[in-house]
Amino acid sequence: KYQSGNSDFQNQLNKDNYNRLDYGLSGGIGLDFAKF
């Protein structure tokens, strides 16, 4: 997406220019309240 002043443009990108596979590590903290 590109925005200049009051003008907005949106472009579909060629997915073949990007690696389809991404990978990495996740980590976090959570609170558990019964089912929520």
PDB file of all heavy atoms in Angstrom:
ATOM      1  N   LYS A   1       0.851  -1.190   0.000  1.00  0.00           N
ATOM      2  CA  LYS A   1       0.000   0.000   0.000  1.00  0.00           C
ATOM      3  C   LYS A   1       0.886   1.239   0.000  1.00  0.00           C
ATOM      4  O   LYS A   1       1.946   1.253   0.618  1.00  0.00           O
ATOM      5  CB  LYS A   1      -0.919   0.011   1.223  1.00  0.00           C
ATOM      6  CG  LYS A   1      -1.970  -1.080   1.225  1.00  0.00           C
ATOM      7  CD  LYS A   1      -2.860  -0.983   2.455  1.00  0.00           C
ATOM      8  CE  LYS A   1      -3.913  -2.079   2.455  1.00  0.00           C
ATOM      9  NZ  LYS A   1      -4.787  -2.007   3.652  1.00  0.00           N
ATOM     10  N   TYR A   2       0.401   2.255  -0.695  1.00  0.00           N
ATOM     11  CA  TYR A   2       1.136   3.517  -0.754  1.00  0.00           C
ATOM     12  C   TYR A   2       0.140   4.657  -0.598  1.00  0.00           C
ATOM     13  O   TYR A   2      -0.898   4.694  -1.277  1.00  0.00           O
ATOM     14  CB  TYR A   2       1.882   3.642  -2.082  1.00  0.00           C
ATOM     15  CG  TYR A   2       2.584   4.974  -2.269  1.00  0.00           C
ATOM     16  CD1 TYR A   2       3.773   5.254  -1.598  1.00  0.00           C
ATOM     17  CD2 TYR A   2       2.042   5.950  -3.107  1.00  0.00           C
ATOM     18  CE1 TYR A   2       4.412   6.471  -1.765  1.00  0.00           C
ATOM     19  CE2 TYR A   2       2.682   7.172  -3.276  1.00  0.00           C
ATOM     20  CZ  TYR A   2       3.857   7.426  -2.604  1.00  0.00           C
ATOM     21  OH  TYR A   2       4.489   8.637  -2.757  1.00  0.00           O
ATOM     22  N   GLN A   3       0.427   5.566   0.326  1.00  0.00           N
ATOM     23  CA  GLN A   3      -0.442   6.704   0.568  1.00  0.00           C
ATOM     24  C   GLN A   3       0.370   7.987   0.462  1.00  0.00           C
ATOM     25  O   GLN A   3       1.404   8.136   1.121  1.00  0.00           O
ATOM     26  CB  GLN A   3      -1.092   6.610   1.945  1.00  0.00           C
ATOM     27  CG  GLN A   3      -2.053   7.751   2.259  1.00  0.00           C
ATOM     28  CD  GLN A   3      -2.624   7.646   3.659  1.00  0.00           C
ATOM     29  OE1 GLN A   3      -1.905   7.354   4.604  1.00  0.00           O
ATOM     30  NE2 GLN A   3      -3.920   7.874   3.784  1.00  0.00           N
ATOM     31  N   SER A   4      -0.111   8.920  -0.367  1.00  0.00           N
ATOM     32  CA  SER A   4       0.541  10.217  -0.526  1.00  0.00           C
ATOM     33  C   SER A   4      -0.537  11.285  -0.471  1.00  0.00           C
ATOM     34  O   SER A   4      -1.378  11.366  -1.385  1.00  0.00           O
ATOM     35  CB  SER A   4       1.299  10.295  -1.846  1.00  0.00           C
ATOM     36  OG  SER A   4       1.885  11.570  -2.008  1.00  0.00           O
ATOM     37  N   GLY A   5      -0.531  12.078   0.596  1.00  0.00           N
ATOM     38  CA  GLY A   5      -1.582  13.074   0.757  1.00  0.00           C
ATOM     39  C   GLY A   5      -2.929  12.402   0.870  1.00  0.00           C
ATOM     40  O   GLY A   5      -3.153  11.565   1.734  1.00  0.00           O
ATOM     41  N   ASN A   6      -3.845  12.741  -0.053  1.00  0.00           N
ATOM     42  CA  ASN A   6      -5.186  12.145  -0.058  1.00  0.00           C
ATOM     43  C   ASN A   6      -5.312  10.973  -1.022  1.00  0.00           C
ATOM     44  O   ASN A   6      -6.417  10.474  -1.252  1.00  0.00           O
ATOM     45  CB  ASN A   6      -6.234  13.221  -0.410  1.00  0.00           C
ATOM     46  CG  ASN A   6      -6.308  14.315   0.632  1.00  0.00           C
ATOM     47  OD1 ASN A   6      -6.195  14.046   1.824  1.00  0.00           O
ATOM     48  ND2 ASN A   6      -6.504  15.549   0.178  1.00  0.00           N
ATOM     49  N   SER A   7      -4.213  10.559  -1.609  1.00  0.00           N
ATOM     50  CA  SER A   7      -4.242   9.480  -2.590  1.00  0.00           C
ATOM     51  C   SER A   7      -3.784   8.170  -1.963  1.00  0.00           C
ATOM     52  O   SER A   7      -2.804   8.135  -1.210  1.00  0.00           O
ATOM     53  CB  SER A   7      -3.336   9.816  -3.784  1.00  0.00           C
ATOM     54  OG  SER A   7      -3.764  11.015  -4.399  1.00  0.00           O
ATOM     55  N   ASP A   8      -4.513   7.091  -2.291  1.00  0.00           N
ATOM     56  CA  ASP A   8      -4.176   5.756  -1.798  1.00  0.00           C
ATOM     57  C   ASP A   8      -4.034   4.811  -2.986  1.00  0.00           C
ATOM     58  O   ASP A   8      -4.867   4.813  -3.888  1.00  0.00           O
ATOM     59  CB  ASP A   8      -5.258   5.219  -0.855  1.00  0.00           C
ATOM     60  CG  ASP A   8      -5.291   5.956   0.463  1.00  0.00           C
ATOM     61  OD1 ASP A   8      -4.227   6.107   1.063  1.00  0.00           O
ATOM     62  OD2 ASP A   8      -6.385   6.377   0.883  1.00  0.00           O
ATOM     63  N   PHE A   9      -2.996   3.992  -2.941  1.00  0.00           N
ATOM     64  CA  PHE A   9      -2.786   2.990  -3.976  1.00  0.00           C
ATOM     65  C   PHE A   9      -2.531   1.647  -3.310  1.00  0.00           C
ATOM     66  O   PHE A   9      -1.868   1.567  -2.278  1.00  0.00           O
ATOM     67  CB  PHE A   9      -1.585   3.356  -4.862  1.00  0.00           C
ATOM     68  CG  PHE A   9      -1.659   4.733  -5.457  1.00  0.00           C
ATOM     69  CD1 PHE A   9      -1.075   5.814  -4.812  1.00  0.00           C
ATOM     70  CD2 PHE A   9      -2.313   4.949  -6.657  1.00  0.00           C
ATOM     71  CE1 PHE A   9      -1.141   7.083  -5.343  1.00  0.00           C
ATOM     72  CE2 PHE A   9      -2.377   6.225  -7.207  1.00  0.00           C
ATOM     73  CZ  PHE A   9      -1.790   7.295  -6.550  1.00  0.00           C
ATOM     74  N   GLN A  10      -3.064   0.588  -3.917  1.00  0.00           N
ATOM     75  CA  GLN A  10      -2.831  -0.758  -3.398  1.00  0.00           C
ATOM     76  C   GLN A  10      -2.422  -1.668  -4.534  1.00  0.00           C
ATOM     77  O   GLN A  10      -2.996  -1.612  -5.619  1.00  0.00           O
ATOM     78  CB  GLN A  10      -4.081  -1.304  -2.702  1.00  0.00           C
ATOM     79  CG  GLN A  10      -3.858  -2.668  -2.070  1.00  0.00           C
ATOM     80  CD  GLN A  10      -4.977  -3.038  -1.105  1.00  0.00           C
ATOM     81  OE1 GLN A  10      -5.625  -2.168  -0.540  1.00  0.00           O
ATOM     82  NE2 GLN A  10      -5.207  -4.315  -0.923  1.00  0.00           N
ATOM     83  N   ASN A  11      -1.439  -2.501  -4.284  1.00  0.00           N
ATOM     84  CA  ASN A  11      -0.863  -3.366  -5.305  1.00  0.00           C
ATOM     85  C   ASN A  11      -0.794  -4.805  -4.814  1.00  0.00           C
ATOM     86  O   ASN A  11      -0.405  -5.038  -3.683  1.00  0.00           O
ATOM     87  CB  ASN A  11       0.574  -2.935  -5.574  1.00  0.00           C
ATOM     88  CG  ASN A  11       0.763  -2.472  -6.994  1.00  0.00           C
ATOM     89  OD1 ASN A  11      -0.142  -2.518  -7.775  1.00  0.00           O
ATOM     90  ND2 ASN A  11       1.959  -2.018  -7.275  1.00  0.00           N
ATOM     91  N   GLN A  12      -1.161  -5.746  -5.683  1.00  0.00           N
ATOM     92  CA  GLN A  12      -0.885  -7.140  -5.370  1.00  0.00           C
ATOM     93  C   GLN A  12       0.575  -7.426  -5.726  1.00  0.00           C
ATOM     94  O   GLN A  12       1.030  -7.053  -6.816  1.00  0.00           O
ATOM     95  CB  GLN A  12      -1.797  -8.066  -6.169  1.00  0.00           C
ATOM     96  CG  GLN A  12      -3.257  -8.049  -5.719  1.00  0.00           C
ATOM     97  CD  GLN A  12      -3.405  -8.509  -4.287  1.00  0.00           C
ATOM     98  OE1 GLN A  12      -3.893  -7.772  -3.452  1.00  0.00           O
ATOM     99  NE2 GLN A  12      -2.973  -9.715  -3.994  1.00  0.00           N
ATOM    100  N   LEU A  13       1.314  -8.052  -4.829  1.00  0.00           N
ATOM    101  CA  LEU A  13       2.711  -8.370  -5.085  1.00  0.00           C
ATOM    102  C   LEU A  13       2.832  -9.791  -5.616  1.00  0.00           C
ATOM    103  O   LEU A  13       2.012 -10.659  -5.320  1.00  0.00           O
ATOM    104  CB  LEU A  13       3.530  -8.228  -3.793  1.00  0.00           C
ATOM    105  CG  LEU A  13       3.530  -6.835  -3.155  1.00  0.00           C
ATOM    106  CD1 LEU A  13       4.337  -6.848  -1.857  1.00  0.00           C
ATOM    107  CD2 LEU A  13       4.102  -5.800  -4.114  1.00  0.00           C
ATOM    108  N   ASN A  14       3.864 -10.026  -6.396  1.00  0.00           N
ATOM    109  CA  ASN A  14       4.135 -11.355  -6.915  1.00  0.00           C
ATOM    110  C   ASN A  14       4.722 -12.209  -5.796  1.00  0.00           C
ATOM    111  O   ASN A  14       5.854 -11.982  -5.350  1.00  0.00           O
ATOM    112  CB  ASN A  14       5.108 -11.261  -8.097  1.00  0.00           C
ATOM    113  CG  ASN A  14       5.274 -12.596  -8.796  1.00  0.00           C
ATOM    114  OD1 ASN A  14       4.912 -13.649  -8.271  1.00  0.00           O
ATOM    115  ND2 ASN A  14       5.840 -12.564  -9.990  1.00  0.00           N
ATOM    116  N   LYS A  15       3.945 -13.197  -5.337  1.00  0.00           N
ATOM    117  CA  LYS A  15       4.407 -14.032  -4.213  1.00  0.00           C
ATOM    118  C   LYS A  15       5.664 -14.815  -4.572  1.00  0.00           C
ATOM    119  O   LYS A  15       6.409 -15.238  -3.684  1.00  0.00           O
ATOM    120  CB  LYS A  15       3.292 -14.985  -3.772  1.00  0.00           C
ATOM    121  CG  LYS A  15       2.078 -14.274  -3.177  1.00  0.00           C
ATOM    122  CD  LYS A  15       1.111 -15.235  -2.551  1.00  0.00           C
ATOM    123  CE  LYS A  15       0.419 -16.123  -3.557  1.00  0.00           C
ATOM    124  NZ  LYS A  15      -0.515 -15.364  -4.429  1.00  0.00           N
ATOM    125  N   ASP A  16       5.906 -15.005  -5.897  1.00  0.00           N
ATOM    126  CA  ASP A  16       7.099 -15.741  -6.313  1.00  0.00           C
ATOM    127  C   ASP A  16       8.380 -14.977  -6.003  1.00  0.00           C
ATOM    128  O   ASP A  16       9.476 -15.541  -6.043  1.00  0.00           O
ATOM    129  CB  ASP A  16       7.035 -16.054  -7.814  1.00  0.00           C
ATOM    130  CG  ASP A  16       5.953 -17.082  -8.134  1.00  0.00           C
ATOM    131  OD1 ASP A  16       5.608 -17.863  -7.223  1.00  0.00           O
ATOM    132  OD2 ASP A  16       5.459 -17.092  -9.272  1.00  0.00           O
ATOM    133  N   ASN A  17       8.273 -13.671  -5.715  1.00  0.00           N
ATOM    134  CA  ASN A  17       9.450 -12.884  -5.338  1.00  0.00           C
ATOM    135  C   ASN A  17       9.812 -13.041  -3.857  1.00  0.00           C
ATOM    136  O   ASN A  17      10.818 -12.490  -3.409  1.00  0.00           O
ATOM    137  CB  ASN A  17       9.208 -11.397  -5.638  1.00  0.00           C
ATOM    138  CG  ASN A  17       9.133 -11.125  -7.128  1.00  0.00           C
ATOM    139  OD1 ASN A  17       9.715 -11.844  -7.937  1.00  0.00           O
ATOM    140  ND2 ASN A  17       8.389 -10.089  -7.502  1.00  0.00           N
ATOM    141  N   TYR A  18       8.978 -13.768  -3.128  1.00  0.00           N
ATOM    142  CA  TYR A  18       9.202 -13.974  -1.695  1.00  0.00           C
ATOM    143  C   TYR A  18       9.352 -15.460  -1.406  1.00  0.00           C
ATOM    144  O   TYR A  18       8.793 -16.305  -2.119  1.00  0.00           O
ATOM    145  CB  TYR A  18       8.023 -13.428  -0.881  1.00  0.00           C
ATOM    146  CG  TYR A  18       7.846 -11.936  -0.996  1.00  0.00           C
ATOM    147  CD1 TYR A  18       7.174 -11.381  -2.087  1.00  0.00           C
ATOM    148  CD2 TYR A  18       8.358 -11.072  -0.032  1.00  0.00           C
ATOM    149  CE1 TYR A  18       7.011 -10.005  -2.205  1.00  0.00           C
ATOM    150  CE2 TYR A  18       8.204  -9.706  -0.139  1.00  0.00           C
ATOM    151  CZ  TYR A  18       7.530  -9.182  -1.232  1.00  0.00           C
ATOM    152  OH  TYR A  18       7.379  -7.818  -1.349  1.00  0.00           O
ATOM    153  N   ASN A  19      10.095 -15.780  -0.367  1.00  0.00           N
ATOM    154  CA  ASN A  19      10.166 -17.165   0.073  1.00  0.00           C
ATOM    155  C   ASN A  19       8.811 -17.572   0.626  1.00  0.00           C
ATOM    156  O   ASN A  19       8.265 -16.905   1.518  1.00  0.00           O
ATOM    157  CB  ASN A  19      11.241 -17.335   1.153  1.00  0.00           C
ATOM    158  CG  ASN A  19      12.633 -17.388   0.559  1.00  0.00           C
ATOM    159  OD1 ASN A  19      12.866 -18.043  -0.455  1.00  0.00           O
ATOM    160  ND2 ASN A  19      13.574 -16.685   1.184  1.00  0.00           N
ATOM    161  N   ARG A  20       8.249 -18.643   0.109  1.00  0.00           N
ATOM    162  CA  ARG A  20       6.943 -19.092   0.579  1.00  0.00           C
ATOM    163  C   ARG A  20       7.012 -19.607   2.010  1.00  0.00           C
ATOM    164  O   ARG A  20       6.045 -19.481   2.767  1.00  0.00           O
ATOM    165  CB  ARG A  20       6.393 -20.184  -0.346  1.00  0.00           C
ATOM    166  CG  ARG A  20       6.055 -19.715  -1.753  1.00  0.00           C
ATOM    167  CD  ARG A  20       4.932 -18.694  -1.746  1.00  0.00           C
ATOM    168  NE  ARG A  20       4.535 -18.301  -3.083  1.00  0.00           N
ATOM    169  CZ  ARG A  20       3.500 -18.814  -3.735  1.00  0.00           C
ATOM    170  NH1 ARG A  20       2.762 -19.747  -3.163  1.00  0.00           N
ATOM    171  NH2 ARG A  20       3.208 -18.384  -4.944  1.00  0.00           N
ATOM    172  N   LEU A  21       8.145 -20.204   2.384  1.00  0.00           N
ATOM    173  CA  LEU A  21       8.261 -20.799   3.715  1.00  0.00           C
ATOM    174  C   LEU A  21       8.949 -19.838   4.670  1.00  0.00           C
ATOM    175  O   LEU A  21      10.018 -19.296   4.374  1.00  0.00           O
ATOM    176  CB  LEU A  21       9.056 -22.118   3.639  1.00  0.00           C
ATOM    177  CG  LEU A  21       9.223 -22.870   4.963  1.00  0.00           C
ATOM    178  CD1 LEU A  21       7.869 -23.336   5.492  1.00  0.00           C
ATOM    179  CD2 LEU A  21      10.165 -24.063   4.788  1.00  0.00           C
ATOM    180  N   ASP A  22       8.329 -19.631   5.803  1.00  0.00           N
ATOM    181  CA  ASP A  22       8.934 -18.876   6.897  1.00  0.00           C
ATOM    182  C   ASP A  22       8.959 -19.780   8.122  1.00  0.00           C
ATOM    183  O   ASP A  22       8.084 -20.638   8.297  1.00  0.00           O
ATOM    184  CB  ASP A  22       8.121 -17.603   7.191  1.00  0.00           C
ATOM    185  CG  ASP A  22       8.761 -16.742   8.274  1.00  0.00           C
ATOM    186  OD1 ASP A  22       9.997 -16.632   8.292  1.00  0.00           O
ATOM    187  OD2 ASP A  22       8.017 -16.186   9.115  1.00  0.00           O
ATOM    188  N   TYR A  23       9.939 -19.605   8.969  1.00  0.00           N
ATOM    189  CA  TYR A  23      10.013 -20.403  10.194  1.00  0.00           C
ATOM    190  C   TYR A  23      10.764 -19.604  11.256  1.00  0.00           C
ATOM    191  O   TYR A  23      11.477 -18.639  10.951  1.00  0.00           O
ATOM    192  CB  TYR A  23      10.725 -21.742   9.934  1.00  0.00           C
ATOM    193  CG  TYR A  23      12.092 -21.616   9.320  1.00  0.00           C
ATOM    194  CD1 TYR A  23      13.230 -21.453  10.118  1.00  0.00           C
ATOM    195  CD2 TYR A  23      12.262 -21.644   7.942  1.00  0.00           C
ATOM    196  CE1 TYR A  23      14.491 -21.326   9.552  1.00  0.00           C
ATOM    197  CE2 TYR A  23      13.510 -21.524   7.371  1.00  0.00           C
ATOM    198  CZ  TYR A  23      14.624 -21.363   8.179  1.00  0.00           C
ATOM    199  OH  TYR A  23      15.864 -21.227   7.617  1.00  0.00           O
ATOM    200  N   GLY A  24      10.575 -20.016  12.488  1.00  0.00           N
ATOM    201  CA  GLY A  24      11.222 -19.292  13.579  1.00  0.00           C
ATOM    202  C   GLY A  24      10.835 -19.842  14.925  1.00  0.00           C
ATOM    203  O   GLY A  24      10.432 -21.009  15.057  1.00  0.00           O
ATOM    204  N   LEU A  25      10.936 -19.002  15.943  1.00  0.00           N
ATOM    205  CA  LEU A  25      10.681 -19.397  17.323  1.00  0.00           C
ATOM    206  C   LEU A  25       9.589 -18.516  17.916  1.00  0.00           C
ATOM    207  O   LEU A  25       9.520 -17.321  17.634  1.00  0.00           O
ATOM    208  CB  LEU A  25      11.954 -19.267  18.159  1.00  0.00           C
ATOM    209  CG  LEU A  25      13.157 -20.082  17.697  1.00  0.00           C
ATOM    210  CD1 LEU A  25      14.393 -19.730  18.529  1.00  0.00           C
ATOM    211  CD2 LEU A  25      12.855 -21.581  17.785  1.00  0.00           C
ATOM    212  N   SER A  26       8.739 -19.135  18.745  1.00  0.00           N
ATOM    213  CA  SER A  26       7.673 -18.419  19.437  1.00  0.00           C
ATOM    214  C   SER A  26       7.840 -18.591  20.939  1.00  0.00           C
ATOM    215  O   SER A  26       8.277 -19.645  21.405  1.00  0.00           O
ATOM    216  CB  SER A  26       6.285 -18.947  19.033  1.00  0.00           C
ATOM    217  OG  SER A  26       6.002 -18.666  17.691  1.00  0.00           O
ATOM    218  N   GLY A  27       7.454 -17.571  21.681  1.00  0.00           N
ATOM    219  CA  GLY A  27       7.479 -17.678  23.137  1.00  0.00           C
ATOM    220  C   GLY A  27       6.556 -16.647  23.741  1.00  0.00           C
ATOM    221  O   GLY A  27       6.353 -15.567  23.175  1.00  0.00           O
ATOM    222  N   GLY A  28       5.969 -16.980  24.901  1.00  0.00           N
ATOM    223  CA  GLY A  28       5.063 -16.019  25.505  1.00  0.00           C
ATOM    224  C   GLY A  28       4.601 -16.435  26.879  1.00  0.00           C
ATOM    225  O   GLY A  28       5.114 -17.379  27.498  1.00  0.00           O
ATOM    226  N   ILE A  29       3.588 -15.715  27.358  1.00  0.00           N
ATOM    227  CA  ILE A  29       3.023 -15.932  28.682  1.00  0.00           C
ATOM    228  C   ILE A  29       1.512 -15.841  28.555  1.00  0.00           C
ATOM    229  O   ILE A  29       0.992 -15.092  27.719  1.00  0.00           O
ATOM    230  CB  ILE A  29       3.575 -14.895  29.681  1.00  0.00           C
ATOM    231  CG1 ILE A  29       3.120 -15.208  31.108  1.00  0.00           C
ATOM    232  CG2 ILE A  29       3.188 -13.477  29.271  1.00  0.00           C
ATOM    233  CD1 ILE A  29       3.840 -14.370  32.147  1.00  0.00           C
ATOM    234  N   GLY A  30       0.786 -16.625  29.359  1.00  0.00           N
ATOM    235  CA  GLY A  30      -0.662 -16.634  29.257  1.00  0.00           C
ATOM    236  C   GLY A  30      -1.337 -16.783  30.605  1.00  0.00           C
ATOM    237  O   GLY A  30      -0.729 -17.261  31.582  1.00  0.00           O
ATOM    238  N   LEU A  31      -2.588 -16.382  30.660  1.00  0.00           N
ATOM    239  CA  LEU A  31      -3.435 -16.540  31.835  1.00  0.00           C
ATOM    240  C   LEU A  31      -4.583 -17.473  31.477  1.00  0.00           C
ATOM    241  O   LEU A  31      -5.208 -17.320  30.418  1.00  0.00           O
ATOM    242  CB  LEU A  31      -3.973 -15.189  32.305  1.00  0.00           C
ATOM    243  CG  LEU A  31      -2.936 -14.170  32.779  1.00  0.00           C
ATOM    244  CD1 LEU A  31      -3.600 -12.834  33.073  1.00  0.00           C
ATOM    245  CD2 LEU A  31      -2.204 -14.682  34.015  1.00  0.00           C
ATOM    246  N   ASP A  32      -4.865 -18.447  32.335  1.00  0.00           N
ATOM    247  CA  ASP A  32      -5.892 -19.454  32.088  1.00  0.00           C
ATOM    248  C   ASP A  32      -7.012 -19.316  33.116  1.00  0.00           C
ATOM    249  O   ASP A  32      -6.768 -19.386  34.325  1.00  0.00           O
ATOM    250  CB  ASP A  32      -5.283 -20.860  32.175  1.00  0.00           C
ATOM    251  CG  ASP A  32      -4.109 -21.032  31.218  1.00  0.00           C
ATOM    252  OD1 ASP A  32      -4.305 -20.815  30.010  1.00  0.00           O
ATOM    253  OD2 ASP A  32      -3.014 -21.376  31.676  1.00  0.00           O
ATOM    254  N   PHE A  33      -8.241 -19.115  32.622  1.00  0.00           N
ATOM    255  CA  PHE A  33      -9.410 -19.009  33.489  1.00  0.00           C
ATOM    256  C   PHE A  33     -10.443 -20.019  33.006  1.00  0.00           C
ATOM    257  O   PHE A  33     -11.265 -19.716  32.142  1.00  0.00           O
ATOM    258  CB  PHE A  33     -10.001 -17.597  33.448  1.00  0.00           C
ATOM    259  CG  PHE A  33      -8.997 -16.510  33.757  1.00  0.00           C
ATOM    260  CD1 PHE A  33      -8.400 -15.788  32.732  1.00  0.00           C
ATOM    261  CD2 PHE A  33      -8.637 -16.221  35.061  1.00  0.00           C
ATOM    262  CE1 PHE A  33      -7.487 -14.787  33.012  1.00  0.00           C
ATOM    263  CE2 PHE A  33      -7.712 -15.223  35.348  1.00  0.00           C
ATOM    264  CZ  PHE A  33      -7.138 -14.507  34.316  1.00  0.00           C
ATOM    265  N   ALA A  34     -10.355 -21.246  33.542  1.00  0.00           N
ATOM    266  CA  ALA A  34     -11.244 -22.325  33.101  1.00  0.00           C
ATOM    267  C   ALA A  34     -11.122 -22.495  31.586  1.00  0.00           C
ATOM    268  O   ALA A  34     -10.052 -22.827  31.092  1.00  0.00           O
ATOM    269  CB  ALA A  34     -12.680 -22.066  33.539  1.00  0.00           C
ATOM    270  N   LYS A  35     -12.187 -22.209  30.831  1.00  0.00           N
ATOM    271  CA  LYS A  35     -12.154 -22.388  29.377  1.00  0.00           C
ATOM    272  C   LYS A  35     -11.656 -21.149  28.630  1.00  0.00           C
ATOM    273  O   LYS A  35     -11.496 -21.172  27.413  1.00  0.00           O
ATOM    274  CB  LYS A  35     -13.554 -22.754  28.862  1.00  0.00           C
ATOM    275  CG  LYS A  35     -14.032 -24.126  29.305  1.00  0.00           C
ATOM    276  CD  LYS A  35     -15.411 -24.404  28.746  1.00  0.00           C
ATOM    277  CE  LYS A  35     -15.880 -25.798  29.085  1.00  0.00           C
ATOM    278  NZ  LYS A  35     -15.077 -26.843  28.404  1.00  0.00           N
ATOM    279  N   PHE A  36     -11.414 -20.064  29.338  1.00  0.00           N
ATOM    280  CA  PHE A  36     -11.037 -18.793  28.716  1.00  0.00           C
ATOM    281  C   PHE A  36      -9.563 -18.510  28.973  1.00  0.00           C
ATOM    282  O   PHE A  36      -9.063 -18.719  30.085  1.00  0.00           O
ATOM    283  CB  PHE A  36     -11.902 -17.663  29.284  1.00  0.00           C
ATOM    284  CG  PHE A  36     -11.628 -16.327  28.680  1.00  0.00           C
ATOM    285  CD1 PHE A  36     -11.999 -16.045  27.376  1.00  0.00           C
ATOM    286  CD2 PHE A  36     -10.986 -15.347  29.413  1.00  0.00           C
ATOM    287  CE1 PHE A  36     -11.747 -14.802  26.811  1.00  0.00           C
ATOM    288  CE2 PHE A  36     -10.726 -14.102  28.861  1.00  0.00           C
ATOM    289  CZ  PHE A  36     -11.111 -13.840  27.558  1.00  0.00           C
TER     290      PHE A  36
END
